[in-house]
Amino acid sequence: MEKIDAITALAALAQETRLDVFRLLVQAGAKGVPAGQIAETLSLPSATLSFHLNQLKNAGLINFRRESRSLIYAAEYAAMNGLLAYLTENCCQGGKAGCGTVVCDTAVLGKTEEAG
């Protein structure tokens, strides 16, 4: 990950609502969450949610797919893991074994569809 990409991702996450949305999507796994359910869970008006989802999407942290009339949003685990790797690449003077760095294993989660 390049420095500018890390800055963009961190800037997107440096807002309470977007951090809540992203954490909800990370917890949901590869299947994702419909936009309406995100709004209901976090008590957000649809216009507000749309703004925050676009910020996360533009930062490359989430993706979406259309299922019938619903938009299903999911975390981009590769981007999340890339950000974690960028932040910890020199952890413990390069001895990552001592850092306990954890990343999501996308092979366990299953692949999400790219749509957007």
PDB file of N, CA and C in Angstrom:
ATOM      1  N   MET A   1       0.859  -1.178   0.000  1.00  0.00           N
ATOM      2  CA  MET A   1       0.000   0.000   0.000  1.00  0.00           C
ATOM      3  C   MET A   1       0.896   1.230   0.000  1.00  0.00           C
ATOM      4  N   GLU A   2       0.509   2.210  -0.785  1.00  0.00           N
ATOM      5  CA  GLU A   2       1.229   3.476  -0.844  1.00  0.00           C
ATOM      6  C   GLU A   2       0.789   4.384   0.303  1.00  0.00           C
ATOM      7  N   LYS A   3       1.652   5.312   0.657  1.00  0.00           N
ATOM      8  CA  LYS A   3       1.358   6.227   1.757  1.00  0.00           C
ATOM      9  C   LYS A   3       0.055   6.996   1.523  1.00  0.00           C
ATOM     10  N   ILE A   4      -0.175   7.491   0.312  1.00  0.00           N
ATOM     11  CA  ILE A   4      -1.384   8.268   0.028  1.00  0.00           C
ATOM     12  C   ILE A   4      -2.645   7.427   0.208  1.00  0.00           C
ATOM     13  N   ASP A   5      -2.572   6.134  -0.136  1.00  0.00           N
ATOM     14  CA  ASP A   5      -3.715   5.243   0.061  1.00  0.00           C
ATOM     15  C   ASP A   5      -3.983   5.028   1.548  1.00  0.00           C
ATOM     16  N   ALA A   6      -2.923   4.899   2.325  1.00  0.00           N
ATOM     17  CA  ALA A   6      -3.079   4.746   3.777  1.00  0.00           C
ATOM     18  C   ALA A   6      -3.691   6.008   4.386  1.00  0.00           C
ATOM     19  N   ILE A   7      -3.245   7.167   3.936  1.00  0.00           N
ATOM     20  CA  ILE A   7      -3.784   8.429   4.442  1.00  0.00           C
ATOM     21  C   ILE A   7      -5.264   8.549   4.099  1.00  0.00           C
ATOM     22  N   THR A   8      -5.624   8.181   2.871  1.00  0.00           N
ATOM     23  CA  THR A   8      -7.025   8.246   2.445  1.00  0.00           C
ATOM     24  C   THR A   8      -7.892   7.308   3.281  1.00  0.00           C
ATOM     25  N   ALA A   9      -7.414   6.085   3.499  1.00  0.00           N
ATOM     26  CA  ALA A   9      -8.173   5.116   4.300  1.00  0.00           C
ATOM     27  C   ALA A   9      -8.302   5.589   5.742  1.00  0.00           C
ATOM     28  N   LEU A  10      -7.212   6.062   6.317  1.00  0.00           N
ATOM     29  CA  LEU A  10      -7.263   6.532   7.702  1.00  0.00           C
ATOM     30  C   LEU A  10      -8.171   7.754   7.843  1.00  0.00           C
ATOM     31  N   ALA A  11      -8.140   8.637   6.860  1.00  0.00           N
ATOM     32  CA  ALA A  11      -9.016   9.808   6.896  1.00  0.00           C
ATOM     33  C   ALA A  11     -10.483   9.384   6.846  1.00  0.00           C
ATOM     34  N   ALA A  12     -10.786   8.396   6.022  1.00  0.00           N
ATOM     35  CA  ALA A  12     -12.169   7.913   5.937  1.00  0.00           C
ATOM     36  C   ALA A  12     -12.618   7.296   7.255  1.00  0.00           C
ATOM     37  N   LEU A  13     -11.726   6.618   7.924  1.00  0.00           N
ATOM     38  CA  LEU A  13     -12.074   5.960   9.184  1.00  0.00           C
ATOM     39  C   LEU A  13     -12.029   6.903  10.384  1.00  0.00           C
ATOM     40  N   ALA A  14     -11.484   8.091  10.203  1.00  0.00           N
ATOM     41  CA  ALA A  14     -11.334   9.041  11.305  1.00  0.00           C
ATOM     42  C   ALA A  14     -12.598   9.870  11.515  1.00  0.00           C
ATOM     43  N   GLN A  15     -13.723   9.217  11.413  1.00  0.00           N
ATOM     44  CA  GLN A  15     -15.021   9.858  11.639  1.00  0.00           C
ATOM     45  C   GLN A  15     -15.912   8.806  12.288  1.00  0.00           C
ATOM     46  N   GLU A  16     -16.593   9.173  13.340  1.00  0.00           N
ATOM     47  CA  GLU A  16     -17.328   8.218  14.173  1.00  0.00           C
ATOM     48  C   GLU A  16     -18.315   7.351  13.405  1.00  0.00           C
ATOM     49  N   THR A  17     -19.145   7.945  12.575  1.00  0.00           N
ATOM     50  CA  THR A  17     -20.155   7.176  11.854  1.00  0.00           C
ATOM     51  C   THR A  17     -19.514   6.222  10.862  1.00  0.00           C
ATOM     52  N   ARG A  18     -18.515   6.706  10.116  1.00  0.00           N
ATOM     53  CA  ARG A  18     -17.855   5.827   9.141  1.00  0.00           C
ATOM     54  C   ARG A  18     -17.139   4.679   9.827  1.00  0.00           C
ATOM     55  N   LEU A  19     -16.530   4.947  10.967  1.00  0.00           N
ATOM     56  CA  LEU A  19     -15.875   3.868  11.707  1.00  0.00           C
ATOM     57  C   LEU A  19     -16.907   2.841  12.164  1.00  0.00           C
ATOM     58  N   ASP A  20     -18.059   3.301  12.627  1.00  0.00           N
ATOM     59  CA  ASP A  20     -19.135   2.386  13.034  1.00  0.00           C
ATOM     60  C   ASP A  20     -19.623   1.544  11.849  1.00  0.00           C
ATOM     61  N   VAL A  21     -19.803   2.179  10.697  1.00  0.00           N
ATOM     62  CA  VAL A  21     -20.254   1.459   9.503  1.00  0.00           C
ATOM     63  C   VAL A  21     -19.219   0.420   9.105  1.00  0.00           C
ATOM     64  N   PHE A  22     -17.960   0.820   9.058  1.00  0.00           N
ATOM     65  CA  PHE A  22     -16.904  -0.109   8.643  1.00  0.00           C
ATOM     66  C   PHE A  22     -16.807  -1.293   9.601  1.00  0.00           C
ATOM     67  N   ARG A  23     -16.856  -1.034  10.895  1.00  0.00           N
ATOM     68  CA  ARG A  23     -16.782  -2.131  11.869  1.00  0.00           C
ATOM     69  C   ARG A  23     -17.973  -3.077  11.730  1.00  0.00           C
ATOM     70  N   LEU A  24     -19.156  -2.529  11.472  1.00  0.00           N
ATOM     71  CA  LEU A  24     -20.341  -3.358  11.245  1.00  0.00           C
ATOM     72  C   LEU A  24     -20.126  -4.263  10.038  1.00  0.00           C
ATOM     73  N   LEU A  25     -19.578  -3.709   8.959  1.00  0.00           N
ATOM     74  CA  LEU A  25     -19.350  -4.504   7.748  1.00  0.00           C
ATOM     75  C   LEU A  25     -18.252  -5.540   7.942  1.00  0.00           C
ATOM     76  N   VAL A  26     -17.221  -5.203   8.694  1.00  0.00           N
ATOM     77  CA  VAL A  26     -16.160  -6.182   8.992  1.00  0.00           C
ATOM     78  C   VAL A  26     -16.751  -7.350   9.784  1.00  0.00           C
ATOM     79  N   GLN A  27     -17.599  -7.050  10.747  1.00  0.00           N
ATOM     80  CA  GLN A  27     -18.228  -8.093  11.556  1.00  0.00           C
ATOM     81  C   GLN A  27     -19.169  -8.962  10.740  1.00  0.00           C
ATOM     82  N   ALA A  28     -19.802  -8.378   9.731  1.00  0.00           N
ATOM     83  CA  ALA A  28     -20.783  -9.116   8.919  1.00  0.00           C
ATOM     84  C   ALA A  28     -20.129 -10.158   8.017  1.00  0.00           C
ATOM     85  N   GLY A  29     -18.880  -9.955   7.682  1.00  0.00           N
ATOM     86  CA  GLY A  29     -18.196 -10.914   6.818  1.00  0.00           C
ATOM     87  C   GLY A  29     -18.462 -10.656   5.341  1.00  0.00           C
ATOM     88  N   ALA A  30     -18.076 -11.615   4.533  1.00  0.00           N
ATOM     89  CA  ALA A  30     -18.118 -11.471   3.079  1.00  0.00           C
ATOM     90  C   ALA A  30     -19.535 -11.344   2.519  1.00  0.00           C
ATOM     91  N   LYS A  31     -20.517 -11.836   3.250  1.00  0.00           N
ATOM     92  CA  LYS A  31     -21.900 -11.759   2.736  1.00  0.00           C
ATOM     93  C   LYS A  31     -22.407 -10.329   2.674  1.00  0.00           C
ATOM     94  N   GLY A  32     -21.861  -9.438   3.508  1.00  0.00           N
ATOM     95  CA  GLY A  32     -22.246  -8.036   3.491  1.00  0.00           C
ATOM     96  C   GLY A  32     -23.559  -7.758   4.193  1.00  0.00           C
ATOM     97  N   VAL A  33     -23.993  -6.508   4.108  1.00  0.00           N
ATOM     98  CA  VAL A  33     -25.198  -6.038   4.785  1.00  0.00           C
ATOM     99  C   VAL A  33     -25.945  -5.091   3.843  1.00  0.00           C
ATOM    100  N   PRO A  34     -27.255  -5.266   3.698  1.00  0.00           N
ATOM    101  CA  PRO A  34     -28.030  -4.326   2.886  1.00  0.00           C
ATOM    102  C   PRO A  34     -27.984  -2.923   3.499  1.00  0.00           C
ATOM    103  N   ALA A  35     -28.015  -1.923   2.630  1.00  0.00           N
ATOM    104  CA  ALA A  35     -27.942  -0.536   3.092  1.00  0.00           C
ATOM    105  C   ALA A  35     -29.036  -0.221   4.111  1.00  0.00           C
ATOM    106  N   GLY A  36     -30.242  -0.699   3.872  1.00  0.00           N
ATOM    107  CA  GLY A  36     -31.336  -0.433   4.802  1.00  0.00           C
ATOM    108  C   GLY A  36     -31.082  -0.995   6.191  1.00  0.00           C
ATOM    109  N   GLN A  37     -30.457  -2.160   6.246  1.00  0.00           N
ATOM    110  CA  GLN A  37     -30.145  -2.770   7.539  1.00  0.00           C
ATOM    111  C   GLN A  37     -29.048  -1.986   8.253  1.00  0.00           C
ATOM    112  N   ILE A  38     -28.069  -1.470   7.493  1.00  0.00           N
ATOM    113  CA  ILE A  38     -27.025  -0.634   8.103  1.00  0.00           C
ATOM    114  C   ILE A  38     -27.674   0.603   8.720  1.00  0.00           C
ATOM    115  N   ALA A  39     -28.554   1.251   7.947  1.00  0.00           N
ATOM    116  CA  ALA A  39     -29.231   2.458   8.428  1.00  0.00           C
ATOM    117  C   ALA A  39     -30.035   2.173   9.682  1.00  0.00           C
ATOM    118  N   GLU A  40     -30.750   1.059   9.677  1.00  0.00           N
ATOM    119  CA  GLU A  40     -31.573   0.701  10.830  1.00  0.00           C
ATOM    120  C   GLU A  40     -30.716   0.379  12.046  1.00  0.00           C
ATOM    121  N   THR A  41     -29.674  -0.404  11.856  1.00  0.00           N
ATOM    122  CA  THR A  41     -28.811  -0.812  12.964  1.00  0.00           C
ATOM    123  C   THR A  41     -28.145   0.389  13.627  1.00  0.00           C
ATOM    124  N   LEU A  42     -27.705   1.347  12.796  1.00  0.00           N
ATOM    125  CA  LEU A  42     -26.971   2.495  13.321  1.00  0.00           C
ATOM    126  C   LEU A  42     -27.836   3.742  13.481  1.00  0.00           C
ATOM    127  N   SER A  43     -29.146   3.596  13.239  1.00  0.00           N
ATOM    128  CA  SER A  43     -30.097   4.713  13.359  1.00  0.00           C
ATOM    129  C   SER A  43     -29.652   5.928  12.548  1.00  0.00           C
ATOM    130  N   LEU A  44     -29.415   5.684  11.252  1.00  0.00           N
ATOM    131  CA  LEU A  44     -28.963   6.753  10.367  1.00  0.00           C
ATOM    132  C   LEU A  44     -29.991   7.030   9.285  1.00  0.00           C
ATOM    133  N   PRO A  45     -30.227   8.299   8.964  1.00  0.00           N
ATOM    134  CA  PRO A  45     -31.072   8.621   7.810  1.00  0.00           C
ATOM    135  C   PRO A  45     -30.366   8.154   6.531  1.00  0.00           C
ATOM    136  N   SER A  46     -31.131   7.799   5.512  1.00  0.00           N
ATOM    137  CA  SER A  46     -30.543   7.234   4.299  1.00  0.00           C
ATOM    138  C   SER A  46     -29.572   8.195   3.613  1.00  0.00           C
ATOM    139  N   ALA A  47     -29.860   9.481   3.599  1.00  0.00           N
ATOM    140  CA  ALA A  47     -28.950  10.443   2.962  1.00  0.00           C
ATOM    141  C   ALA A  47     -27.610  10.503   3.695  1.00  0.00           C
ATOM    142  N   THR A  48     -27.655  10.475   4.996  1.00  0.00           N
ATOM    143  CA  THR A  48     -26.433  10.487   5.799  1.00  0.00           C
ATOM    144  C   THR A  48     -25.633   9.223   5.555  1.00  0.00           C
ATOM    145  N   LEU A  49     -26.316   8.078   5.570  1.00  0.00           N
ATOM    146  CA  LEU A  49     -25.634   6.805   5.333  1.00  0.00           C
ATOM    147  C   LEU A  49     -25.008   6.793   3.949  1.00  0.00           C
ATOM    148  N   SER A  50     -25.724   7.251   2.953  1.00  0.00           N
ATOM    149  CA  SER A  50     -25.215   7.273   1.586  1.00  0.00           C
ATOM    150  C   SER A  50     -23.915   8.069   1.495  1.00  0.00           C
ATOM    151  N   PHE A  51     -23.869   9.216   2.139  1.00  0.00           N
ATOM    152  CA  PHE A  51     -22.664  10.044   2.158  1.00  0.00           C
ATOM    153  C   PHE A  51     -21.492   9.264   2.750  1.00  0.00           C
ATOM    154  N   HIS A  52     -21.705   8.639   3.894  1.00  0.00           N
ATOM    155  CA  HIS A  52     -20.623   7.924   4.568  1.00  0.00           C
ATOM    156  C   HIS A  52     -20.193   6.677   3.795  1.00  0.00           C
ATOM    157  N   LEU A  53     -21.148   5.968   3.199  1.00  0.00           N
ATOM    158  CA  LEU A  53     -20.801   4.803   2.388  1.00  0.00           C
ATOM    159  C   LEU A  53     -19.945   5.222   1.196  1.00  0.00           C
ATOM    160  N   ASN A  54     -20.275   6.339   0.574  1.00  0.00           N
ATOM    161  CA  ASN A  54     -19.477   6.828  -0.556  1.00  0.00           C
ATOM    162  C   ASN A  54     -18.056   7.179  -0.134  1.00  0.00           C
ATOM    163  N   GLN A  55     -17.902   7.765   1.038  1.00  0.00           N
ATOM    164  CA  GLN A  55     -16.564   8.093   1.532  1.00  0.00           C
ATOM    165  C   GLN A  55     -15.734   6.822   1.736  1.00  0.00           C
ATOM    166  N   LEU A  56     -16.347   5.794   2.317  1.00  0.00           N
ATOM    167  CA  LEU A  56     -15.645   4.528   2.532  1.00  0.00           C
ATOM    168  C   LEU A  56     -15.342   3.831   1.208  1.00  0.00           C
ATOM    169  N   LYS A  57     -16.288   3.893   0.272  1.00  0.00           N
ATOM    170  CA  LYS A  57     -16.082   3.285  -1.041  1.00  0.00           C
ATOM    171  C   LYS A  57     -14.964   3.992  -1.789  1.00  0.00           C
ATOM    172  N   ASN A  58     -14.954   5.319  -1.763  1.00  0.00           N
ATOM    173  CA  ASN A  58     -13.902   6.080  -2.436  1.00  0.00           C
ATOM    174  C   ASN A  58     -12.528   5.833  -1.832  1.00  0.00           C
ATOM    175  N   ALA A  59     -12.486   5.475  -0.569  1.00  0.00           N
ATOM    176  CA  ALA A  59     -11.216   5.141   0.094  1.00  0.00           C
ATOM    177  C   ALA A  59     -10.808   3.695  -0.180  1.00  0.00           C
ATOM    178  N   GLY A  60     -11.675   2.940  -0.863  1.00  0.00           N
ATOM    179  CA  GLY A  60     -11.354   1.549  -1.196  1.00  0.00           C
ATOM    180  C   GLY A  60     -11.573   0.564  -0.064  1.00  0.00           C
ATOM    181  N   LEU A  61     -12.271   1.000   0.991  1.00  0.00           N
ATOM    182  CA  LEU A  61     -12.449   0.145   2.164  1.00  0.00           C
ATOM    183  C   LEU A  61     -13.686  -0.743   2.099  1.00  0.00           C
ATOM    184  N   ILE A  62     -14.625  -0.406   1.226  1.00  0.00           N
ATOM    185  CA  ILE A  62     -15.830  -1.232   1.080  1.00  0.00           C
ATOM    186  C   ILE A  62     -16.172  -1.361  -0.400  1.00  0.00           C
ATOM    187  N   ASN A  63     -17.004  -2.338  -0.701  1.00  0.00           N
ATOM    188  CA  ASN A  63     -17.551  -2.506  -2.039  1.00  0.00           C
ATOM    189  C   ASN A  63     -19.039  -2.759  -1.906  1.00  0.00           C
ATOM    190  N   PHE A  64     -19.728  -2.823  -3.028  1.00  0.00           N
ATOM    191  CA  PHE A  64     -21.154  -3.126  -2.975  1.00  0.00           C
ATOM    192  C   PHE A  64     -21.537  -3.937  -4.196  1.00  0.00           C
ATOM    193  N   ARG A  65     -22.650  -4.600  -4.064  1.00  0.00           N
ATOM    194  CA  ARG A  65     -23.237  -5.331  -5.183  1.00  0.00           C
ATOM    195  C   ARG A  65     -24.746  -5.128  -5.120  1.00  0.00           C
ATOM    196  N   ARG A  66     -25.380  -5.247  -6.245  1.00  0.00           N
ATOM    197  CA  ARG A  66     -26.829  -5.101  -6.306  1.00  0.00           C
ATOM    198  C   ARG A  66     -27.455  -6.491  -6.286  1.00  0.00           C
ATOM    199  N   GLU A  67     -28.433  -6.664  -5.428  1.00  0.00           N
ATOM    200  CA  GLU A  67     -29.253  -7.877  -5.383  1.00  0.00           C
ATOM    201  C   GLU A  67     -30.698  -7.414  -5.474  1.00  0.00           C
ATOM    202  N   SER A  68     -31.284  -7.630  -6.635  1.00  0.00           N
ATOM    203  CA  SER A  68     -32.631  -7.156  -6.891  1.00  0.00           C
ATOM    204  C   SER A  68     -32.657  -5.640  -6.718  1.00  0.00           C
ATOM    205  N   ARG A  69     -33.431  -5.143  -5.783  1.00  0.00           N
ATOM    206  CA  ARG A  69     -33.509  -3.694  -5.553  1.00  0.00           C
ATOM    207  C   ARG A  69     -32.621  -3.220  -4.409  1.00  0.00           C
ATOM    208  N   SER A  70     -31.878  -4.127  -3.805  1.00  0.00           N
ATOM    209  CA  SER A  70     -31.052  -3.780  -2.648  1.00  0.00           C
ATOM    210  C   SER A  70     -29.580  -3.626  -3.028  1.00  0.00           C
ATOM    211  N   LEU A  71     -28.919  -2.720  -2.344  1.00  0.00           N
ATOM    212  CA  LEU A  71     -27.470  -2.616  -2.435  1.00  0.00           C
ATOM    213  C   LEU A  71     -26.893  -3.266  -1.192  1.00  0.00           C
ATOM    214  N   ILE A  72     -26.015  -4.230  -1.411  1.00  0.00           N
ATOM    215  CA  ILE A  72     -25.378  -4.966  -0.321  1.00  0.00           C
ATOM    216  C   ILE A  72     -23.937  -4.484  -0.221  1.00  0.00           C
ATOM    217  N   TYR A  73     -23.576  -3.975   0.951  1.00  0.00           N
ATOM    218  CA  TYR A  73     -22.230  -3.456   1.172  1.00  0.00           C
ATOM    219  C   TYR A  73     -21.411  -4.459   1.971  1.00  0.00           C
ATOM    220  N   ALA A  74     -20.120  -4.536   1.640  1.00  0.00           N
ATOM    221  CA  ALA A  74     -19.215  -5.446   2.344  1.00  0.00           C
ATOM    222  C   ALA A  74     -17.853  -4.777   2.498  1.00  0.00           C
ATOM    223  N   ALA A  75     -17.147  -5.167   3.528  1.00  0.00           N
ATOM    224  CA  ALA A  75     -15.796  -4.660   3.755  1.00  0.00           C
ATOM    225  C   ALA A  75     -14.859  -5.224   2.699  1.00  0.00           C
ATOM    226  N   GLU A  76     -13.897  -4.423   2.296  1.00  0.00           N
ATOM    227  CA  GLU A  76     -12.817  -4.864   1.409  1.00  0.00           C
ATOM    228  C   GLU A  76     -11.686  -5.345   2.322  1.00  0.00           C
ATOM    229  N   TYR A  77     -11.671  -6.647   2.588  1.00  0.00           N
ATOM    230  CA  TYR A  77     -10.688  -7.186   3.520  1.00  0.00           C
ATOM    231  C   TYR A  77      -9.264  -7.028   3.021  1.00  0.00           C
ATOM    232  N   ALA A  78      -9.052  -7.106   1.707  1.00  0.00           N
ATOM    233  CA  ALA A  78      -7.704  -6.928   1.172  1.00  0.00           C
ATOM    234  C   ALA A  78      -7.195  -5.519   1.482  1.00  0.00           C
ATOM    235  N   ALA A  79      -8.059  -4.520   1.346  1.00  0.00           N
ATOM    236  CA  ALA A  79      -7.669  -3.136   1.655  1.00  0.00           C
ATOM    237  C   ALA A  79      -7.413  -2.980   3.149  1.00  0.00           C
ATOM    238  N   MET A  80      -8.269  -3.571   3.968  1.00  0.00           N
ATOM    239  CA  MET A  80      -8.085  -3.497   5.417  1.00  0.00           C
ATOM    240  C   MET A  80      -6.767  -4.155   5.821  1.00  0.00           C
ATOM    241  N   ASN A  81      -6.518  -5.345   5.271  1.00  0.00           N
ATOM    242  CA  ASN A  81      -5.274  -6.041   5.584  1.00  0.00           C
ATOM    243  C   ASN A  81      -4.070  -5.272   5.058  1.00  0.00           C
ATOM    244  N   GLY A  82      -4.223  -4.638   3.896  1.00  0.00           N
ATOM    245  CA  GLY A  82      -3.144  -3.819   3.352  1.00  0.00           C
ATOM    246  C   GLY A  82      -2.821  -2.645   4.258  1.00  0.00           C
ATOM    247  N   LEU A  83      -3.856  -2.013   4.805  1.00  0.00           N
ATOM    248  CA  LEU A  83      -3.650  -0.904   5.727  1.00  0.00           C
ATOM    249  C   LEU A  83      -2.965  -1.382   7.003  1.00  0.00           C
ATOM    250  N   LEU A  84      -3.425  -2.498   7.531  1.00  0.00           N
ATOM    251  CA  LEU A  84      -2.779  -3.051   8.734  1.00  0.00           C
ATOM    252  C   LEU A  84      -1.319  -3.400   8.464  1.00  0.00           C
ATOM    253  N   ALA A  85      -1.059  -3.982   7.298  1.00  0.00           N
ATOM    254  CA  ALA A  85       0.316  -4.334   6.939  1.00  0.00           C
ATOM    255  C   ALA A  85       1.175  -3.082   6.805  1.00  0.00           C
ATOM    256  N   TYR A  86       0.621  -2.040   6.175  1.00  0.00           N
ATOM    257  CA  TYR A  86       1.355  -0.788   6.023  1.00  0.00           C
ATOM    258  C   TYR A  86       1.709  -0.199   7.394  1.00  0.00           C
ATOM    259  N   LEU A  87       0.745  -0.210   8.287  1.00  0.00           N
ATOM    260  CA  LEU A  87       0.960   0.373   9.614  1.00  0.00           C
ATOM    261  C   LEU A  87       1.932  -0.427  10.466  1.00  0.00           C
ATOM    262  N   THR A  88       2.063  -1.705  10.182  1.00  0.00           N
ATOM    263  CA  THR A  88       2.897  -2.564  11.034  1.00  0.00           C
ATOM    264  C   THR A  88       4.114  -3.127  10.320  1.00  0.00           C
ATOM    265  N   GLU A  89       4.413  -2.645   9.109  1.00  0.00           N
ATOM    266  CA  GLU A  89       5.499  -3.256   8.335  1.00  0.00           C
ATOM    267  C   GLU A  89       6.850  -3.178   9.026  1.00  0.00           C
ATOM    268  N   ASN A  90       7.080  -2.201   9.851  1.00  0.00           N
ATOM    269  CA  ASN A  90       8.353  -2.108  10.563  1.00  0.00           C
ATOM    270  C   ASN A  90       8.183  -2.356  12.053  1.00  0.00           C
ATOM    271  N   CYS A  91       7.122  -3.045  12.405  1.00  0.00           N
ATOM    272  CA  CYS A  91       6.819  -3.344  13.791  1.00  0.00           C
ATOM    273  C   CYS A  91       7.970  -4.126  14.429  1.00  0.00           C
ATOM    274  N   CYS A  92       8.272  -3.793  15.633  1.00  0.00           N
ATOM    275  CA  CYS A  92       9.292  -4.508  16.408  1.00  0.00           C
ATOM    276  C   CYS A  92      10.599  -4.615  15.631  1.00  0.00           C
ATOM    277  N   GLN A  93      10.979  -3.529  14.992  1.00  0.00           N
ATOM    278  CA  GLN A  93      12.209  -3.452  14.211  1.00  0.00           C
ATOM    279  C   GLN A  93      12.267  -4.533  13.137  1.00  0.00           C
ATOM    280  N   GLY A  94      11.125  -4.811  12.532  1.00  0.00           N
ATOM    281  CA  GLY A  94      11.071  -5.784  11.443  1.00  0.00           C
ATOM    282  C   GLY A  94      10.816  -7.208  11.893  1.00  0.00           C
ATOM    283  N   GLY A  95      10.799  -7.469  13.186  1.00  0.00           N
ATOM    284  CA  GLY A  95      10.541  -8.811  13.710  1.00  0.00           C
ATOM    285  C   GLY A  95       9.059  -8.978  14.001  1.00  0.00           C
ATOM    286  N   LYS A  96       8.269  -9.140  12.955  1.00  0.00           N
ATOM    287  CA  LYS A  96       6.813  -9.156  13.103  1.00  0.00           C
ATOM    288  C   LYS A  96       6.305 -10.263  14.024  1.00  0.00           C
ATOM    289  N   ALA A  97       7.048 -11.310  14.204  1.00  0.00           N
ATOM    290  CA  ALA A  97       6.594 -12.416  15.047  1.00  0.00           C
ATOM    291  C   ALA A  97       6.301 -11.944  16.466  1.00  0.00           C
ATOM    292  N   GLY A  98       7.030 -10.967  16.941  1.00  0.00           N
ATOM    293  CA  GLY A  98       6.828 -10.469  18.290  1.00  0.00           C
ATOM    294  C   GLY A  98       5.681  -9.490  18.424  1.00  0.00           C
ATOM    295  N   CYS A  99       5.115  -9.051  17.307  1.00  0.00           N
ATOM    296  CA  CYS A  99       4.081  -8.016  17.343  1.00  0.00           C
ATOM    297  C   CYS A  99       2.679  -8.581  17.517  1.00  0.00           C
ATOM    298  N   GLY A 100       2.456  -9.813  17.150  1.00  0.00           N
ATOM    299  CA  GLY A 100       1.115 -10.372  17.237  1.00  0.00           C
ATOM    300  C   GLY A 100       0.149  -9.728  16.266  1.00  0.00           C
ATOM    301  N   THR A 101       0.631  -9.254  15.115  1.00  0.00           N
ATOM    302  CA  THR A 101      -0.224  -8.622  14.122  1.00  0.00           C
ATOM    303  C   THR A 101      -1.230  -9.627  13.590  1.00  0.00           C
ATOM    304  N   VAL A 102      -2.489  -9.210  13.580  1.00  0.00           N
ATOM    305  CA  VAL A 102      -3.569 -10.079  13.117  1.00  0.00           C
ATOM    306  C   VAL A 102      -4.174  -9.477  11.861  1.00  0.00           C
ATOM    307  N   VAL A 103      -4.393 -10.323  10.858  1.00  0.00           N
ATOM    308  CA  VAL A 103      -5.114  -9.905   9.658  1.00  0.00           C
ATOM    309  C   VAL A 103      -6.231 -10.905   9.417  1.00  0.00           C
ATOM    310  N   CYS A 104      -7.250 -10.469   8.698  1.00  0.00           N
ATOM    311  CA  CYS A 104      -8.345 -11.370   8.353  1.00  0.00           C
ATOM    312  C   CYS A 104      -7.906 -12.307   7.253  1.00  0.00           C
ATOM    313  N   ASP A 105      -8.168 -13.566   7.413  1.00  0.00           N
ATOM    314  CA  ASP A 105      -7.873 -14.556   6.389  1.00  0.00           C
ATOM    315  C   ASP A 105      -9.058 -14.614   5.436  1.00  0.00           C
ATOM    316  N   THR A 106      -8.926 -13.982   4.273  1.00  0.00           N
ATOM    317  CA  THR A 106     -10.035 -13.919   3.324  1.00  0.00           C
ATOM    318  C   THR A 106     -10.370 -15.286   2.752  1.00  0.00           C
ATOM    319  N   ALA A 107      -9.449 -16.226   2.816  1.00  0.00           N
ATOM    320  CA  ALA A 107      -9.760 -17.576   2.334  1.00  0.00           C
ATOM    321  C   ALA A 107     -10.827 -18.214   3.218  1.00  0.00           C
ATOM    322  N   VAL A 108     -10.812 -17.892   4.496  1.00  0.00           N
ATOM    323  CA  VAL A 108     -11.815 -18.411   5.425  1.00  0.00           C
ATOM    324  C   VAL A 108     -13.149 -17.715   5.209  1.00  0.00           C
ATOM    325  N   LEU A 109     -13.106 -16.418   4.935  1.00  0.00           N
ATOM    326  CA  LEU A 109     -14.319 -15.631   4.768  1.00  0.00           C
ATOM    327  C   LEU A 109     -15.025 -15.915   3.450  1.00  0.00           C
ATOM    328  N   GLY A 110     -14.292 -16.314   2.441  1.00  0.00           N
ATOM    329  CA  GLY A 110     -14.871 -16.491   1.100  1.00  0.00           C
ATOM    330  C   GLY A 110     -14.749 -15.196   0.341  1.00  0.00           C
ATOM    331  N   LYS A 111     -14.758 -15.287  -0.948  1.00  0.00           N
ATOM    332  CA  LYS A 111     -14.620 -14.119  -1.819  1.00  0.00           C
ATOM    333  C   LYS A 111     -15.934 -13.362  -1.916  1.00  0.00           C
ATOM    334  N   THR A 112     -15.858 -12.045  -1.990  1.00  0.00           N
ATOM    335  CA  THR A 112     -17.031 -11.222  -2.261  1.00  0.00           C
ATOM    336  C   THR A 112     -16.981 -10.816  -3.717  1.00  0.00           C
ATOM    337  N   GLU A 113     -18.144 -10.545  -4.267  1.00  0.00           N
ATOM    338  CA  GLU A 113     -18.221 -10.103  -5.647  1.00  0.00           C
ATOM    339  C   GLU A 113     -17.799  -8.661  -5.742  1.00  0.00           C
ATOM    340  N   GLU A 114     -17.046  -8.331  -6.788  1.00  0.00           N
ATOM    341  CA  GLU A 114     -16.705  -6.942  -7.076  1.00  0.00           C
ATOM    342  C   GLU A 114     -17.830  -6.362  -7.898  1.00  0.00           C
ATOM    343  N   ALA A 115     -18.407  -5.303  -7.432  1.00  0.00           N
ATOM    344  CA  ALA A 115     -19.478  -4.651  -8.185  1.00  0.00           C
ATOM    345  C   ALA A 115     -19.520  -3.177  -7.843  1.00  0.00           C
ATOM    346  N   GLY A 116     -18.692  -2.427  -8.364  1.00  0.00           N
ATOM    347  CA  GLY A 116     -18.797  -1.001  -8.065  1.00  0.00           C
ATOM    348  C   GLY A 116     -17.507  -0.427  -7.956  1.00  0.00           C
TER     349      GLY A 116
END
